[in-house]
C-alpha atoms as a PDB file:
ATOM      1  CA  MET A   1     -59.524-173.484  82.839  1.00  0.00           C
ATOM      2  CA  PRO A   2     -60.631-173.253  86.597  1.00  0.00           C
ATOM      3  CA  GLU A   3     -58.497-171.973  89.631  1.00  0.00           C
ATOM      4  CA  GLN A   4     -56.004-174.274  90.894  1.00  0.00           C
ATOM      5  CA  PRO A   5     -57.236-174.752  94.882  1.00  0.00           C
ATOM      6  CA  VAL A   6     -54.534-174.095  97.027  1.00  0.00           C
ATOM      7  CA  LEU A   7     -54.453-175.041 101.008  1.00  0.00           C
ATOM      8  CA  ARG A   8     -52.613-172.099 103.013  1.00  0.00           C
ATOM      9  CA  VAL A   9     -51.659-173.598 106.245  1.00  0.00           C
ATOM     10  CA  CYS A  10     -50.248-171.379 109.022  1.00  0.00           C
ATOM     11  CA  ALA A  11     -47.916-173.283 111.417  1.00  0.00           C
ATOM     12  CA  LEU A  12     -47.608-171.199 114.899  1.00  0.00           C
ATOM     13  CA  TYR A  13     -44.273-171.389 116.708  1.00  0.00           C
ATOM     14  CA  PRO A  14     -42.866-174.599 114.745  1.00  0.00           C
ATOM     15  CA  ASP A  15     -39.502-174.072 116.384  1.00  0.00           C
ATOM     16  CA  LEU A  16     -40.696-174.295 119.744  1.00  0.00           C
ATOM     17  CA  MET A  17     -44.329-176.054 119.384  1.00  0.00           C
ATOM     18  CA  ASN A  18     -43.509-179.458 117.959  1.00  0.00           C
ATOM     19  CA  ILE A  19     -42.928-182.165 120.062  1.00  0.00           C
ATOM     20  CA  TYR A  20     -43.472-185.850 120.066  1.00  0.00           C
ATOM     21  CA  ALA A  21     -43.826-185.609 116.003  1.00  0.00           C
ATOM     22  CA  ASP A  22     -46.378-183.115 115.162  1.00  0.00           C
ATOM     23  CA  ARG A  23     -44.736-181.904 112.766  1.00  0.00           C
ATOM     24  CA  GLY A  24     -46.063-185.230 110.666  1.00  0.00           C
ATOM     25  CA  ASN A  25     -48.913-183.848 110.562  1.00  0.00           C
ATOM     26  CA  LEU A  26     -48.306-180.808 108.083  1.00  0.00           C
ATOM     27  CA  LEU A  27     -46.333-183.344 106.159  1.00  0.00           C
ATOM     28  CA  LEU A  28     -49.451-185.706 105.704  1.00  0.00           C
ATOM     29  CA  LEU A  29     -51.729-182.343 104.949  1.00  0.00           C
ATOM     30  CA  GLU A  30     -49.293-181.462 102.460  1.00  0.00           C
ATOM     31  CA  ARG A  31     -48.765-184.950 100.778  1.00  0.00           C
ATOM     32  CA  ARG A  32     -52.816-185.637 100.695  1.00  0.00           C
ATOM     33  CA  CYS A  33     -53.621-182.382  98.904  1.00  0.00           C
ATOM     34  CA  ARG A  34     -50.596-183.195  96.336  1.00  0.00           C
ATOM     35  CA  TRP A  35     -51.654-186.241  95.269  1.00  0.00           C
ATOM     36  CA  ARG A  36     -55.212-184.726  94.456  1.00  0.00           C
ATOM     37  CA  GLY A  37     -53.354-181.680  92.544  1.00  0.00           C
ATOM     38  CA  ILE A  38     -54.312-179.192  95.466  1.00  0.00           C
ATOM     39  CA  ASP A  39     -51.310-176.590  95.937  1.00  0.00           C
ATOM     40  CA  PHE A  40     -49.919-176.391  99.524  1.00  0.00           C
ATOM     41  CA  GLU A  41     -48.111-173.349 100.957  1.00  0.00           C
ATOM     42  CA  LEU A  42     -46.903-173.279 104.439  1.00  0.00           C
ATOM     43  CA  GLN A  43     -46.219-170.365 106.173  1.00  0.00           C
ATOM     44  CA  SER A  44     -45.019-169.845 109.734  1.00  0.00           C
ATOM     45  CA  SER A  45     -45.661-167.390 112.707  1.00  0.00           C
ATOM     46  CA  GLY A  46     -43.139-167.475 115.643  1.00  0.00           C
ATOM     47  CA  LEU A  47     -42.862-164.540 118.834  1.00  0.00           C
ATOM     48  CA  GLY A  48     -43.832-161.177 117.972  1.00  0.00           C
ATOM     49  CA  ASP A  49     -45.089-161.834 114.841  1.00  0.00           C
ATOM     50  CA  GLU A  50     -48.661-160.064 113.739  1.00  0.00           C
ATOM     51  CA  LEU A  51     -51.163-162.804 112.319  1.00  0.00           C
ATOM     52  CA  ASP A  52     -53.100-162.487 109.607  1.00  0.00           C
ATOM     53  CA  PRO A  53     -56.098-163.560 110.483  1.00  0.00           C
ATOM     54  CA  ASP A  54     -57.281-164.083 106.118  1.00  0.00           C
ATOM     55  CA  GLY A  55     -53.518-164.997 105.386  1.00  0.00           C
ATOM     56  CA  ALA A  56     -54.510-168.884 105.830  1.00  0.00           C
ATOM     57  CA  ASP A  57     -57.220-171.437 105.427  1.00  0.00           C
ATOM     58  CA  LEU A  58     -55.696-173.341 108.245  1.00  0.00           C
ATOM     59  CA  TYR A  59     -53.759-172.399 111.458  1.00  0.00           C
ATOM     60  CA  TYR A  60     -52.142-175.032 113.421  1.00  0.00           C
ATOM     61  CA  ILE A  61     -50.114-175.164 116.925  1.00  0.00           C
ATOM     62  CA  GLY A  62     -48.478-178.184 117.886  1.00  0.00           C
ATOM     63  CA  GLY A  63     -47.168-178.892 121.783  1.00  0.00           C
ATOM     64  CA  GLY A  64     -44.498-177.691 123.328  1.00  0.00           C
ATOM     65  CA  GLN A  65     -42.512-178.015 126.885  1.00  0.00           C
ATOM     66  CA  ASP A  66     -43.224-175.935 129.685  1.00  0.00           C
ATOM     67  CA  ARG A  67     -40.598-173.337 128.602  1.00  0.00           C
ATOM     68  CA  ASP A  68     -41.325-172.944 125.434  1.00  0.00           C
ATOM     69  CA  GLN A  69     -45.703-172.915 126.131  1.00  0.00           C
ATOM     70  CA  ARG A  70     -44.775-169.931 128.748  1.00  0.00           C
ATOM     71  CA  LEU A  71     -43.202-168.103 125.893  1.00  0.00           C
ATOM     72  CA  CYS A  72     -45.810-168.815 123.357  1.00  0.00           C
ATOM     73  CA  ALA A  73     -48.523-168.238 125.960  1.00  0.00           C
ATOM     74  CA  LEU A  74     -47.707-164.768 126.361  1.00  0.00           C
ATOM     75  CA  ASP A  75     -47.524-164.095 122.741  1.00  0.00           C
ATOM     76  CA  LEU A  76     -50.532-165.790 121.683  1.00  0.00           C
ATOM     77  CA  ALA A  77     -52.351-163.427 124.771  1.00  0.00           C
ATOM     78  CA  GLN A  78     -50.492-160.419 123.981  1.00  0.00           C
ATOM     79  CA  VAL A  79     -49.789-160.508 120.071  1.00  0.00           C
ATOM     80  CA  LYS A  80     -52.181-163.031 118.204  1.00  0.00           C
ATOM     81  CA  ARG A  81     -55.218-163.017 120.383  1.00  0.00           C
ATOM     82  CA  ASP A  82     -57.389-161.130 118.153  1.00  0.00           C
ATOM     83  CA  ALA A  83     -56.554-162.488 115.082  1.00  0.00           C
ATOM     84  CA  LEU A  84     -57.275-165.482 115.981  1.00  0.00           C
ATOM     85  CA  HIS A  85     -60.587-164.537 117.160  1.00  0.00           C
ATOM     86  CA  ALA A  86     -61.345-163.170 113.806  1.00  0.00           C
ATOM     87  CA  VAL A  87     -59.903-166.526 112.336  1.00  0.00           C
ATOM     88  CA  ALA A  88     -62.520-168.742 114.613  1.00  0.00           C
ATOM     89  CA  ALA A  89     -65.456-165.490 113.622  1.00  0.00           C
ATOM     90  CA  ARG A  90     -64.862-166.257 109.675  1.00  0.00           C
ATOM     91  CA  GLY A  91     -65.090-170.239 110.164  1.00  0.00           C
ATOM     92  CA  GLY A  92     -61.440-170.734 109.417  1.00  0.00           C
ATOM     93  CA  VAL A  93     -59.898-174.022 110.819  1.00  0.00           C
ATOM     94  CA  ILE A  94     -57.789-173.918 113.866  1.00  0.00           C
ATOM     95  CA  LEU A  95     -55.944-177.440 114.807  1.00  0.00           C
ATOM     96  CA  ALA A  96     -54.220-177.198 118.273  1.00  0.00           C
ATOM     97  CA  VAL A  97     -52.351-179.973 120.194  1.00  0.00           C
ATOM     98  CA  CYS A  98     -51.374-180.708 123.374  1.00  0.00           C
ATOM     99  CA  GLY A  99     -49.755-177.455 124.965  1.00  0.00           C
ATOM    100  CA  GLY A 100     -51.653-175.459 121.899  1.00  0.00           C
ATOM    101  CA  TYR A 101     -55.075-177.141 122.704  1.00  0.00           C
ATOM    102  CA  GLN A 102     -54.386-175.812 126.320  1.00  0.00           C
ATOM    103  CA  LEU A 103     -54.203-172.500 125.285  1.00  0.00           C
ATOM    104  CA  LEU A 104     -56.928-172.069 123.230  1.00  0.00           C
ATOM    105  CA  GLY A 105     -58.988-171.513 127.000  1.00  0.00           C
ATOM    106  CA  GLY A 106     -58.823-169.305 129.448  1.00  0.00           C
ATOM    107  CA  SER A 107     -55.533-170.195 131.376  1.00  0.00           C
ATOM    108  CA  TYR A 108     -53.505-172.849 132.282  1.00  0.00           C
ATOM    109  CA  GLN A 109     -52.439-172.972 136.287  1.00  0.00           C
ATOM    110  CA  LEU A 110     -49.289-174.541 136.434  1.00  0.00           C
ATOM    111  CA  ASP A 111     -48.474-174.455 140.440  1.00  0.00           C
ATOM    112  CA  ASP A 112     -48.175-171.158 141.130  1.00  0.00           C
ATOM    113  CA  GLU A 113     -47.905-169.763 138.392  1.00  0.00           C
ATOM    114  CA  ARG A 114     -50.816-169.108 135.636  1.00  0.00           C
ATOM    115  CA  LEU A 115     -50.337-168.818 131.837  1.00  0.00           C
ATOM    116  CA  PRO A 116     -52.624-166.619 129.997  1.00  0.00           C
ATOM    117  CA  GLY A 117     -55.153-168.434 127.184  1.00  0.00           C
ATOM    118  CA  VAL A 118     -56.717-166.569 123.988  1.00  0.00           C
ATOM    119  CA  GLU A 119     -60.167-167.781 125.562  1.00  0.00           C
ATOM    120  CA  LEU A 120     -61.453-169.092 121.823  1.00  0.00           C
ATOM    121  CA  VAL A 121     -63.110-171.869 124.108  1.00  0.00           C
ATOM    122  CA  ASP A 122     -64.887-172.075 127.432  1.00  0.00           C
ATOM    123  CA  LEU A 123     -61.847-174.309 129.169  1.00  0.00           C
ATOM    124  CA  VAL A 124     -59.707-174.364 131.910  1.00  0.00           C
ATOM    125  CA  THR A 125     -56.460-176.576 132.510  1.00  0.00           C
ATOM    126  CA  VAL A 126     -54.850-177.072 135.780  1.00  0.00           C
ATOM    127  CA  ARG A 127     -51.381-178.826 136.659  1.00  0.00           C
ATOM    128  CA  GLU A 128     -52.919-181.038 139.476  1.00  0.00           C
ATOM    129  CA  SER A 129     -51.207-183.914 141.703  1.00  0.00           C
ATOM    130  CA  GLY A 130     -50.773-186.947 140.319  1.00  0.00           C
ATOM    131  CA  PRO A 131     -48.886-189.028 137.660  1.00  0.00           C
ATOM    132  CA  ARG A 132     -48.893-187.856 134.018  1.00  0.00           C
ATOM    133  CA  LEU A 133     -51.854-188.868 132.014  1.00  0.00           C
ATOM    134  CA  ILE A 134     -49.738-191.409 129.306  1.00  0.00           C
ATOM    135  CA  GLY A 135     -50.720-193.974 126.817  1.00  0.00           C
ATOM    136  CA  ASN A 136     -52.593-194.793 123.558  1.00  0.00           C
ATOM    137  CA  VAL A 137     -55.829-193.530 123.193  1.00  0.00           C
ATOM    138  CA  ALA A 138     -59.085-193.918 121.273  1.00  0.00           C
ATOM    139  CA  ILE A 139     -62.196-191.481 121.400  1.00  0.00           C
ATOM    140  CA  GLU A 140     -65.582-191.708 119.421  1.00  0.00           C
ATOM    141  CA  VAL A 141     -66.054-188.428 117.320  1.00  0.00           C
ATOM    142  CA  GLU A 142     -68.913-187.185 115.443  1.00  0.00           C
ATOM    143  CA  LEU A 143     -67.920-184.319 113.315  1.00  0.00           C
ATOM    144  CA  GLU A 144     -70.598-184.412 110.561  1.00  0.00           C
ATOM    145  CA  PRO A 145     -73.972-185.177 111.836  1.00  0.00           C
ATOM    146  CA  GLY A 146     -74.812-189.137 111.907  1.00  0.00           C
ATOM    147  CA  ASP A 147     -70.866-190.138 110.685  1.00  0.00           C
ATOM    148  CA  ARG A 148     -69.206-191.772 114.022  1.00  0.00           C
ATOM    149  CA  ARG A 149     -65.459-192.236 113.506  1.00  0.00           C
ATOM    150  CA  VAL A 150     -62.633-193.062 116.281  1.00  0.00           C
ATOM    151  CA  LEU A 151     -59.771-191.180 116.347  1.00  0.00           C
ATOM    152  CA  ALA A 152     -56.822-192.422 117.865  1.00  0.00           C
ATOM    153  CA  GLY A 153     -53.219-191.207 119.162  1.00  0.00           C
ATOM    154  CA  PHE A 154     -51.086-191.046 121.988  1.00  0.00           C
ATOM    155  CA  GLU A 155     -51.325-188.920 125.031  1.00  0.00           C
ATOM    156  CA  ASN A 156     -48.736-187.962 127.591  1.00  0.00           C
ATOM    157  CA  HIS A 157     -49.535-184.408 129.659  1.00  0.00           C
ATOM    158  CA  GLY A 158     -49.730-183.387 133.004  1.00  0.00           C
ATOM    159  CA  GLY A 159     -52.437-180.848 132.956  1.00  0.00           C
ATOM    160  CA  ARG A 160     -55.643-181.494 133.291  1.00  0.00           C
ATOM    161  CA  THR A 161     -58.784-180.102 131.324  1.00  0.00           C
ATOM    162  CA  HIS A 162     -62.009-178.910 132.028  1.00  0.00           C
ATOM    163  CA  LEU A 163     -64.596-177.955 129.612  1.00  0.00           C
ATOM    164  CA  GLY A 164     -67.182-175.530 130.611  1.00  0.00           C
ATOM    165  CA  ALA A 165     -70.610-176.381 131.004  1.00  0.00           C
ATOM    166  CA  GLY A 166     -72.089-176.119 127.093  1.00  0.00           C
ATOM    167  CA  THR A 167     -68.966-176.398 125.515  1.00  0.00           C
ATOM    168  CA  GLN A 168     -68.388-179.720 123.542  1.00  0.00           C
ATOM    169  CA  PRO A 169     -65.482-181.659 123.873  1.00  0.00           C
ATOM    170  CA  LEU A 170     -64.158-183.282 120.747  1.00  0.00           C
ATOM    171  CA  GLY A 171     -64.760-186.717 121.400  1.00  0.00           C
ATOM    172  CA  ARG A 172     -66.017-189.611 123.763  1.00  0.00           C
ATOM    173  CA  VAL A 173     -63.049-191.625 125.275  1.00  0.00           C
ATOM    174  CA  LEU A 174     -62.957-195.077 124.511  1.00  0.00           C
ATOM    175  CA  SER A 175     -59.837-196.649 125.631  1.00  0.00           C
ATOM    176  CA  GLY A 176     -57.149-193.863 127.700  1.00  0.00           C
ATOM    177  CA  HIS A 177     -57.218-191.001 129.615  1.00  0.00           C
ATOM    178  CA  GLY A 178     -58.586-187.969 128.058  1.00  0.00           C
ATOM    179  CA  ASN A 179     -58.915-184.068 129.112  1.00  0.00           C
ATOM    180  CA  ASN A 180     -58.728-185.139 132.645  1.00  0.00           C
ATOM    181  CA  GLY A 181     -58.905-188.845 133.317  1.00  0.00           C
ATOM    182  CA  ALA A 182     -62.003-188.673 134.558  1.00  0.00           C
ATOM    183  CA  ASP A 183     -64.871-187.382 132.649  1.00  0.00           C
ATOM    184  CA  GLY A 184     -64.733-189.118 129.730  1.00  0.00           C
ATOM    185  CA  HIS A 185     -64.262-186.761 127.389  1.00  0.00           C
ATOM    186  CA  GLU A 186     -61.304-185.784 124.925  1.00  0.00           C
ATOM    187  CA  GLY A 187     -60.600-182.910 123.387  1.00  0.00           C
ATOM    188  CA  VAL A 188     -62.435-179.557 121.876  1.00  0.00           C
ATOM    189  CA  ARG A 189     -64.903-178.238 119.348  1.00  0.00           C
ATOM    190  CA  ALA A 190     -66.395-175.341 118.631  1.00  0.00           C
ATOM    191  CA  GLY A 191     -67.121-174.970 115.243  1.00  0.00           C
ATOM    192  CA  ASN A 192     -64.046-175.437 113.161  1.00  0.00           C
ATOM    193  CA  VAL A 193     -61.762-174.797 116.249  1.00  0.00           C
ATOM    194  CA  ILE A 194     -60.614-177.929 117.761  1.00  0.00           C
ATOM    195  CA  GLY A 195     -57.991-178.972 120.546  1.00  0.00           C
ATOM    196  CA  THR A 196     -56.864-182.378 121.237  1.00  0.00           C
ATOM    197  CA  TYR A 197     -54.342-184.086 123.585  1.00  0.00           C
ATOM    198  CA  LEU A 198     -53.768-186.766 120.810  1.00  0.00           C
ATOM    199  CA  HIS A 199     -50.357-186.936 119.077  1.00  0.00           C
ATOM    200  CA  GLY A 200     -48.706-189.811 117.649  1.00  0.00           C
ATOM    201  CA  PRO A 201     -48.912-187.864 115.217  1.00  0.00           C
ATOM    202  CA  LEU A 202     -52.756-187.416 115.012  1.00  0.00           C
ATOM    203  CA  LEU A 203     -53.117-186.666 110.979  1.00  0.00           C
ATOM    204  CA  PRO A 204     -50.781-189.808 109.955  1.00  0.00           C
ATOM    205  CA  LYS A 205     -53.028-192.595 112.129  1.00  0.00           C
ATOM    206  CA  ASN A 206     -55.946-190.534 110.976  1.00  0.00           C
ATOM    207  CA  ALA A 207     -55.823-190.179 107.480  1.00  0.00           C
ATOM    208  CA  TRP A 208     -59.716-189.357 107.130  1.00  0.00           C
ATOM    209  CA  PHE A 209     -59.498-186.840 109.525  1.00  0.00           C
ATOM    210  CA  ALA A 210     -56.727-185.083 107.674  1.00  0.00           C
ATOM    211  CA  ASP A 211     -59.166-184.836 104.587  1.00  0.00           C
ATOM    212  CA  TRP A 212     -62.026-183.600 106.637  1.00  0.00           C
ATOM    213  CA  LEU A 213     -59.548-180.815 108.032  1.00  0.00           C
ATOM    214  CA  ILE A 214     -58.459-180.118 104.535  1.00  0.00           C
ATOM    215  CA  THR A 215     -62.300-180.109 103.072  1.00  0.00           C
ATOM    216  CA  ALA A 216     -63.483-177.722 105.800  1.00  0.00           C
ATOM    217  CA  ALA A 217     -60.385-175.551 105.713  1.00  0.00           C
ATOM    218  CA  LEU A 218     -60.925-174.735 101.515  1.00  0.00           C
ATOM    219  CA  GLY A 219     -64.792-174.773 102.342  1.00  0.00           C
ATOM    220  CA  LEU A 220     -65.545-177.813  99.727  1.00  0.00           C
ATOM    221  CA  ASP A 221     -68.859-178.890  99.322  1.00  0.00           C
ATOM    222  CA  ALA A 222     -68.284-181.609  97.386  1.00  0.00           C
ATOM    223  CA  PRO A 223     -65.802-184.687  99.553  1.00  0.00           C
ATOM    224  CA  LEU A 224     -62.357-184.842  98.095  1.00  0.00           C
ATOM    225  CA  GLU A 225     -61.266-187.433  95.482  1.00  0.00           C
ATOM    226  CA  ALA A 226     -60.640-190.896  97.149  1.00  0.00           C
ATOM    227  CA  LEU A 227     -56.880-192.110  97.632  1.00  0.00           C
ATOM    228  CA  ASP A 228     -55.464-195.514  97.703  1.00  0.00           C
ATOM    229  CA  ASP A 229     -55.171-195.626 101.274  1.00  0.00           C
ATOM    230  CA  GLU A 230     -54.031-198.836 102.028  1.00  0.00           C
ATOM    231  CA  LEU A 231     -51.086-197.912 104.519  1.00  0.00           C
ATOM    232  CA  GLU A 232     -52.980-195.193 105.494  1.00  0.00           C
ATOM    233  CA  GLY A 233     -55.837-197.924 107.037  1.00  0.00           C
ATOM    234  CA  ALA A 234     -53.003-199.836 108.295  1.00  0.00           C
ATOM    235  CA  ALA A 235     -51.683-197.637 110.333  1.00  0.00           C
ATOM    236  CA  HIS A 236     -55.301-196.581 111.764  1.00  0.00           C
ATOM    237  CA  ALA A 237     -55.217-199.684 112.470  1.00  0.00           C
ATOM    238  CA  ASP A 238     -52.788-200.391 114.414  1.00  0.00           C
ATOM    239  CA  ALA A 239     -53.377-197.130 116.211  1.00  0.00           C
ATOM    240  CA  LEU A 240     -56.502-198.841 117.571  1.00  0.00           C
ATOM    241  CA  LYS A 241     -54.694-202.133 118.510  1.00  0.00           C
ATOM    242  CA  ALA A 242     -52.634-199.976 120.310  1.00  0.00           C
ATOM    243  CA  ALA A 243     -55.140-198.201 122.326  1.00  0.00           C
ATOM    244  CA  GLY A 244     -56.819-201.614 123.240  1.00  0.00           C
ATOM    245  CA  VAL A 245     -59.938-201.166 120.592  1.00  0.00           C
END
């Protein structure tokens, strides 16, 4: 008999980086795996824990408050940096949301304090004067050549993220603010490393994106078995409507 497939997910700092229902992303991944007969293993890596770059197929980090983000920034840079670079080098999937996204780059400037990033992608984030960027958002993405789709979610961030020259955004803003409210870009993508400001949580509002992550993390050549996504489709439609798209 063929070996039962299993998706191994590692959540970084689940006790500290989990606001705006971001834990729902992990729950949806688990459900969509189990509905297809794919086993699901969830592990966590907290402050001070060494990270095994081969121990999971998908590494996930959510968003957090400034105090918690400071702690995680130092730990990422001092303890987990090399392992995360090894994950990215072998094509492993890394999904970072909001605060986690801000720490993928070179630094996050908070007034007179500079938080280090893990430098997986060329970007910097700066807490600039002005209002927080808050509201429903929709972006157009092209995860596979010629296959354009729309991700919808909710953003709430004071930092403005600026991508380096040649760095690929995750998508084009259709509605909302995106990375900085000015350049029309949202998120970042470097291979299977993806960062985004979209909360809501993201995956329950975009089940098709969860399936893309599962496929990429498992290295599958064939598409996943289709599911009855009537409710998931309605959630996606509501999210698009909320964003005015």
